[in-house]
Amino acid sequence: MTSYESSPTDSREKQAYDITPILHSRYFILPASAALVGTLIGSVRGSRLASLRFLAENAHRPPTTIRGWYLYNKTKNYKRMAAGLKSGGGNAMKLGVSALVWVGIEDGLERCGKPWSDLREIGAGIGTAGVFAGAYRLPWRTSSRALVLGVTIGGGMAFLRWAREYLQEAVQETKENPGDGISTE
């Protein structure tokens, strides 16, 4: 073998490592989608609040000239944009981290094995609600409501997963046994 030819071990070293079996697409899609929704909600709410605040602060001295109204609206719009971006970024961070916690707990329970993998959505709802209640130091009554909401959302997600699996099995059975179904003739 010459020096410019590669050995079999060199070809294995140069192959790229495939990370897709470890990280599913939902690890990226769910937090990114939550961050996008947080950005939109936060920017609208922050912009509206800044507009009302600017109006309240300047209600006692309305502009009297055309140039004054132009500068008034220009300043108000800049303050709205700045407040919207700031609020949108904060909400994006909060919702993105919440979704990341949800996905992390769900994946951890899925990797624990059979009894836990069936309850992964409910466990993710309870865990996310617990982390949220602890991070914001919520009182017991509000924390219990957050836990109930987490169980409800997790149960709904578990039901949707069960329904999807049930429908996939039904479709698979009809593909395997096409004569057993309802005749269209």
C-alpha atoms as a PDB file:
ATOM      1  CA  MET A   1       0.000   0.000   0.000  1.00  0.00           C
ATOM      2  CA  THR A   2       1.350   3.359  -0.962  1.00  0.00           C
ATOM      3  CA  SER A   3       1.425   6.344   1.333  1.00  0.00           C
ATOM      4  CA  TYR A   4      -1.369   8.191  -0.471  1.00  0.00           C
ATOM      5  CA  GLU A   5      -3.839   5.286  -0.268  1.00  0.00           C
ATOM      6  CA  SER A   6      -6.057   5.152   2.771  1.00  0.00           C
ATOM      7  CA  SER A   7      -6.426   2.166   5.002  1.00  0.00           C
ATOM      8  CA  PRO A   8      -9.840   0.851   6.131  1.00  0.00           C
ATOM      9  CA  THR A   9      -9.389   2.433   9.546  1.00  0.00           C
ATOM     10  CA  ASP A  10      -8.840   5.850   7.933  1.00  0.00           C
ATOM     11  CA  SER A  11     -12.145   5.629   6.066  1.00  0.00           C
ATOM     12  CA  ARG A  12     -13.992   4.869   9.318  1.00  0.00           C
ATOM     13  CA  GLU A  13     -12.369   7.837  11.042  1.00  0.00           C
ATOM     14  CA  LYS A  14     -13.356  10.219   8.266  1.00  0.00           C
ATOM     15  CA  GLN A  15     -17.051   9.239   8.283  1.00  0.00           C
ATOM     16  CA  ALA A  16     -19.290  11.755   9.919  1.00  0.00           C
ATOM     17  CA  TYR A  17     -20.970  10.703  13.129  1.00  0.00           C
ATOM     18  CA  ASP A  18     -24.733  10.496  12.780  1.00  0.00           C
ATOM     19  CA  ILE A  19     -26.442  12.116  15.767  1.00  0.00           C
ATOM     20  CA  THR A  20     -30.024  11.561  14.577  1.00  0.00           C
ATOM     21  CA  PRO A  21     -30.624   8.377  16.614  1.00  0.00           C
ATOM     22  CA  ILE A  22     -29.799  10.342  19.777  1.00  0.00           C
ATOM     23  CA  LEU A  23     -31.593  13.624  19.065  1.00  0.00           C
ATOM     24  CA  HIS A  24     -35.067  13.536  17.586  1.00  0.00           C
ATOM     25  CA  SER A  25     -36.460  16.440  15.611  1.00  0.00           C
ATOM     26  CA  ARG A  26     -38.885  17.393  18.386  1.00  0.00           C
ATOM     27  CA  TYR A  27     -35.909  18.471  20.535  1.00  0.00           C
ATOM     28  CA  PHE A  28     -35.372  21.304  18.103  1.00  0.00           C
ATOM     29  CA  ILE A  29     -38.870  21.920  16.780  1.00  0.00           C
ATOM     30  CA  LEU A  30     -40.735  22.282  20.083  1.00  0.00           C
ATOM     31  CA  PRO A  31     -38.412  24.800  21.808  1.00  0.00           C
ATOM     32  CA  ALA A  32     -37.932  26.776  18.583  1.00  0.00           C
ATOM     33  CA  SER A  33     -41.688  26.902  17.973  1.00  0.00           C
ATOM     34  CA  ALA A  34     -42.320  27.939  21.569  1.00  0.00           C
ATOM     35  CA  ALA A  35     -39.673  30.670  21.271  1.00  0.00           C
ATOM     36  CA  LEU A  36     -41.282  31.932  18.056  1.00  0.00           C
ATOM     37  CA  VAL A  37     -44.716  32.027  19.677  1.00  0.00           C
ATOM     38  CA  GLY A  38     -43.212  33.762  22.710  1.00  0.00           C
ATOM     39  CA  THR A  39     -41.607  36.350  20.448  1.00  0.00           C
ATOM     40  CA  LEU A  40     -44.882  37.100  18.705  1.00  0.00           C
ATOM     41  CA  ILE A  41     -46.957  37.265  21.878  1.00  0.00           C
ATOM     42  CA  GLY A  42     -44.372  39.280  23.772  1.00  0.00           C
ATOM     43  CA  SER A  43     -43.816  41.779  20.997  1.00  0.00           C
ATOM     44  CA  VAL A  44     -47.543  42.457  20.592  1.00  0.00           C
ATOM     45  CA  ARG A  45     -48.159  42.785  24.334  1.00  0.00           C
ATOM     46  CA  GLY A  46     -45.042  44.847  24.990  1.00  0.00           C
ATOM     47  CA  SER A  47     -45.750  47.148  22.072  1.00  0.00           C
ATOM     48  CA  ARG A  48     -49.335  47.730  23.160  1.00  0.00           C
ATOM     49  CA  LEU A  49     -48.304  48.387  26.764  1.00  0.00           C
ATOM     50  CA  ALA A  50     -45.598  50.853  25.671  1.00  0.00           C
ATOM     51  CA  SER A  51     -48.093  52.675  23.459  1.00  0.00           C
ATOM     52  CA  LEU A  52     -50.524  53.087  26.354  1.00  0.00           C
ATOM     53  CA  ARG A  53     -47.739  54.151  28.695  1.00  0.00           C
ATOM     54  CA  PHE A  54     -46.520  56.765  26.204  1.00  0.00           C
ATOM     55  CA  LEU A  55     -50.058  58.055  25.761  1.00  0.00           C
ATOM     56  CA  ALA A  56     -50.537  58.320  29.534  1.00  0.00           C
ATOM     57  CA  GLU A  57     -47.207  60.078  30.032  1.00  0.00           C
ATOM     58  CA  ASN A  58     -47.871  62.660  27.327  1.00  0.00           C
ATOM     59  CA  ALA A  59     -51.630  63.195  27.701  1.00  0.00           C
ATOM     60  CA  HIS A  60     -51.156  66.509  29.490  1.00  0.00           C
ATOM     61  CA  ARG A  61     -49.130  68.071  26.662  1.00  0.00           C
ATOM     62  CA  PRO A  62     -50.503  67.129  23.236  1.00  0.00           C
ATOM     63  CA  PRO A  63     -48.670  68.518  20.209  1.00  0.00           C
ATOM     64  CA  THR A  64     -50.110  71.616  18.581  1.00  0.00           C
ATOM     65  CA  THR A  65     -48.288  71.701  15.230  1.00  0.00           C
ATOM     66  CA  ILE A  66     -47.967  69.293  12.346  1.00  0.00           C
ATOM     67  CA  ARG A  67     -44.258  68.896  13.075  1.00  0.00           C
ATOM     68  CA  GLY A  68     -45.122  68.236  16.724  1.00  0.00           C
ATOM     69  CA  TRP A  69     -47.572  65.472  15.802  1.00  0.00           C
ATOM     70  CA  TYR A  70     -44.996  63.953  13.465  1.00  0.00           C
ATOM     71  CA  LEU A  71     -42.358  63.866  16.214  1.00  0.00           C
ATOM     72  CA  TYR A  72     -44.925  62.633  18.758  1.00  0.00           C
ATOM     73  CA  ASN A  73     -45.918  59.661  16.587  1.00  0.00           C
ATOM     74  CA  LYS A  74     -42.321  58.971  15.571  1.00  0.00           C
ATOM     75  CA  THR A  75     -41.181  58.844  19.194  1.00  0.00           C
ATOM     76  CA  LYS A  76     -44.179  56.735  20.178  1.00  0.00           C
ATOM     77  CA  ASN A  77     -43.457  54.232  17.396  1.00  0.00           C
ATOM     78  CA  TYR A  78     -39.776  53.931  18.333  1.00  0.00           C
ATOM     79  CA  LYS A  79     -40.707  53.336  21.969  1.00  0.00           C
ATOM     80  CA  ARG A  80     -43.272  50.747  20.872  1.00  0.00           C
ATOM     81  CA  MET A  81     -40.720  48.893  18.752  1.00  0.00           C
ATOM     82  CA  ALA A  82     -38.083  48.906  21.488  1.00  0.00           C
ATOM     83  CA  ALA A  83     -40.520  47.709  24.136  1.00  0.00           C
ATOM     84  CA  GLY A  84     -41.936  45.071  21.783  1.00  0.00           C
ATOM     85  CA  LEU A  85     -38.491  43.661  21.011  1.00  0.00           C
ATOM     86  CA  LYS A  86     -37.506  43.619  24.663  1.00  0.00           C
ATOM     87  CA  SER A  87     -40.723  41.964  25.805  1.00  0.00           C
ATOM     88  CA  GLY A  88     -40.682  39.549  22.858  1.00  0.00           C
ATOM     89  CA  GLY A  89     -37.159  38.429  23.670  1.00  0.00           C
ATOM     90  CA  GLY A  90     -38.042  37.840  27.306  1.00  0.00           C
ATOM     91  CA  ASN A  91     -41.145  35.834  26.478  1.00  0.00           C
ATOM     92  CA  ALA A  92     -39.273  33.858  23.819  1.00  0.00           C
ATOM     93  CA  MET A  93     -36.642  32.903  26.359  1.00  0.00           C
ATOM     94  CA  LYS A  94     -39.231  31.884  28.974  1.00  0.00           C
ATOM     95  CA  LEU A  95     -41.338  29.779  26.613  1.00  0.00           C
ATOM     96  CA  GLY A  96     -38.319  28.276  24.865  1.00  0.00           C
ATOM     97  CA  VAL A  97     -36.763  27.152  28.154  1.00  0.00           C
ATOM     98  CA  SER A  98     -40.128  25.803  29.356  1.00  0.00           C
ATOM     99  CA  ALA A  99     -40.472  23.746  26.178  1.00  0.00           C
ATOM    100  CA  LEU A 100     -36.870  22.555  26.518  1.00  0.00           C
ATOM    101  CA  VAL A 101     -37.579  21.409  30.094  1.00  0.00           C
ATOM    102  CA  TRP A 102     -40.712  19.614  28.862  1.00  0.00           C
ATOM    103  CA  VAL A 103     -38.814  17.802  26.106  1.00  0.00           C
ATOM    104  CA  GLY A 104     -35.937  16.941  28.443  1.00  0.00           C
ATOM    105  CA  ILE A 105     -38.199  15.402  31.083  1.00  0.00           C
ATOM    106  CA  GLU A 106     -40.211  13.572  28.436  1.00  0.00           C
ATOM    107  CA  ASP A 107     -37.069  12.124  26.873  1.00  0.00           C
ATOM    108  CA  GLY A 108     -35.661  11.153  30.271  1.00  0.00           C
ATOM    109  CA  LEU A 109     -38.820   9.255  31.147  1.00  0.00           C
ATOM    110  CA  GLU A 110     -38.849   7.607  27.728  1.00  0.00           C
ATOM    111  CA  ARG A 111     -35.298   6.357  28.257  1.00  0.00           C
ATOM    112  CA  CYS A 112     -36.145   4.968  31.721  1.00  0.00           C
ATOM    113  CA  GLY A 113     -38.041   2.032  30.277  1.00  0.00           C
ATOM    114  CA  LYS A 114     -41.484   0.545  29.918  1.00  0.00           C
ATOM    115  CA  PRO A 115     -43.535   1.680  32.912  1.00  0.00           C
ATOM    116  CA  TRP A 116     -42.239   5.254  32.689  1.00  0.00           C
ATOM    117  CA  SER A 117     -42.296   5.577  28.919  1.00  0.00           C
ATOM    118  CA  ASP A 118     -46.075   5.132  28.853  1.00  0.00           C
ATOM    119  CA  LEU A 119     -46.515   8.087  31.231  1.00  0.00           C
ATOM    120  CA  ARG A 120     -43.848  10.367  29.745  1.00  0.00           C
ATOM    121  CA  GLU A 121     -46.219  13.183  28.720  1.00  0.00           C
ATOM    122  CA  ILE A 122     -47.953  13.276  32.102  1.00  0.00           C
ATOM    123  CA  GLY A 123     -44.583  13.178  33.859  1.00  0.00           C
ATOM    124  CA  ALA A 124     -43.321  15.989  31.632  1.00  0.00           C
ATOM    125  CA  GLY A 125     -46.384  18.066  32.496  1.00  0.00           C
ATOM    126  CA  ILE A 126     -45.930  17.485  36.219  1.00  0.00           C
ATOM    127  CA  GLY A 127     -42.180  18.100  36.052  1.00  0.00           C
ATOM    128  CA  THR A 128     -42.485  21.281  34.019  1.00  0.00           C
ATOM    129  CA  ALA A 129     -45.175  22.614  36.348  1.00  0.00           C
ATOM    130  CA  GLY A 130     -42.981  21.781  39.342  1.00  0.00           C
ATOM    131  CA  VAL A 131     -39.945  23.513  37.834  1.00  0.00           C
ATOM    132  CA  PHE A 132     -42.094  26.515  36.936  1.00  0.00           C
ATOM    133  CA  ALA A 133     -43.608  26.701  40.434  1.00  0.00           C
ATOM    134  CA  GLY A 134     -40.172  26.410  42.020  1.00  0.00           C
ATOM    135  CA  ALA A 135     -38.523  28.959  39.745  1.00  0.00           C
ATOM    136  CA  TYR A 136     -41.203  31.568  40.397  1.00  0.00           C
ATOM    137  CA  ARG A 137     -41.655  30.592  44.081  1.00  0.00           C
ATOM    138  CA  LEU A 138     -45.387  30.219  43.695  1.00  0.00           C
ATOM    139  CA  PRO A 139     -47.549  29.716  46.781  1.00  0.00           C
ATOM    140  CA  TRP A 140     -48.999  26.253  47.405  1.00  0.00           C
ATOM    141  CA  ARG A 141     -52.455  27.044  46.007  1.00  0.00           C
ATOM    142  CA  THR A 142     -51.076  28.401  42.737  1.00  0.00           C
ATOM    143  CA  SER A 143     -48.529  25.566  42.520  1.00  0.00           C
ATOM    144  CA  SER A 144     -51.288  22.984  42.855  1.00  0.00           C
ATOM    145  CA  ARG A 145     -53.198  24.682  40.049  1.00  0.00           C
ATOM    146  CA  ALA A 146     -50.066  24.622  37.896  1.00  0.00           C
ATOM    147  CA  LEU A 147     -49.653  20.900  38.635  1.00  0.00           C
ATOM    148  CA  VAL A 148     -53.284  20.213  37.706  1.00  0.00           C
ATOM    149  CA  LEU A 149     -52.766  22.140  34.475  1.00  0.00           C
ATOM    150  CA  GLY A 150     -49.583  20.148  33.790  1.00  0.00           C
ATOM    151  CA  VAL A 151     -51.398  16.849  34.369  1.00  0.00           C
ATOM    152  CA  THR A 152     -54.241  17.980  32.096  1.00  0.00           C
ATOM    153  CA  ILE A 153     -51.946  19.038  29.263  1.00  0.00           C
ATOM    154  CA  GLY A 154     -49.789  15.932  29.687  1.00  0.00           C
ATOM    155  CA  GLY A 155     -52.876  13.711  29.693  1.00  0.00           C
ATOM    156  CA  GLY A 156     -54.114  15.371  26.524  1.00  0.00           C
ATOM    157  CA  MET A 157     -50.735  14.810  24.878  1.00  0.00           C
ATOM    158  CA  ALA A 158     -50.725  11.158  26.023  1.00  0.00           C
ATOM    159  CA  PHE A 159     -54.219  10.700  24.597  1.00  0.00           C
ATOM    160  CA  LEU A 160     -53.130  12.178  21.265  1.00  0.00           C
ATOM    161  CA  ARG A 161     -50.103   9.844  21.169  1.00  0.00           C
ATOM    162  CA  TRP A 162     -52.328   6.852  21.964  1.00  0.00           C
ATOM    163  CA  ALA A 163     -54.827   7.868  19.258  1.00  0.00           C
ATOM    164  CA  ARG A 164     -52.036   8.271  16.695  1.00  0.00           C
ATOM    165  CA  GLU A 165     -50.611   4.824  17.537  1.00  0.00           C
ATOM    166  CA  TYR A 166     -54.089   3.269  17.401  1.00  0.00           C
ATOM    167  CA  LEU A 167     -54.793   4.795  13.997  1.00  0.00           C
ATOM    168  CA  GLN A 168     -51.393   3.728  12.671  1.00  0.00           C
ATOM    169  CA  GLU A 169     -52.090   0.148  13.779  1.00  0.00           C
ATOM    170  CA  ALA A 170     -55.528   0.249  12.126  1.00  0.00           C
ATOM    171  CA  VAL A 171     -54.032   1.496   8.866  1.00  0.00           C
ATOM    172  CA  GLN A 172     -51.308  -1.166   9.028  1.00  0.00           C
ATOM    173  CA  GLU A 173     -53.924  -3.894   9.556  1.00  0.00           C
ATOM    174  CA  THR A 174     -55.954  -2.715   6.575  1.00  0.00           C
ATOM    175  CA  LYS A 175     -52.822  -2.725   4.419  1.00  0.00           C
ATOM    176  CA  GLU A 176     -51.984  -6.275   5.513  1.00  0.00           C
ATOM    177  CA  ASN A 177     -55.567  -7.583   5.152  1.00  0.00           C
ATOM    178  CA  PRO A 178     -57.259  -5.554   2.411  1.00  0.00           C
ATOM    179  CA  GLY A 179     -60.184  -7.996   2.020  1.00  0.00           C
ATOM    180  CA  ASP A 180     -61.311  -7.773   5.641  1.00  0.00           C
ATOM    181  CA  GLY A 181     -62.329  -4.111   5.445  1.00  0.00           C
ATOM    182  CA  ILE A 182     -65.558  -2.556   4.254  1.00  0.00           C
ATOM    183  CA  SER A 183     -66.197  -3.014   0.599  1.00  0.00           C
ATOM    184  CA  THR A 184     -66.634   0.130  -1.481  1.00  0.00           C
ATOM    185  CA  GLU A 185     -68.490  -1.642  -4.283  1.00  0.00           C
END
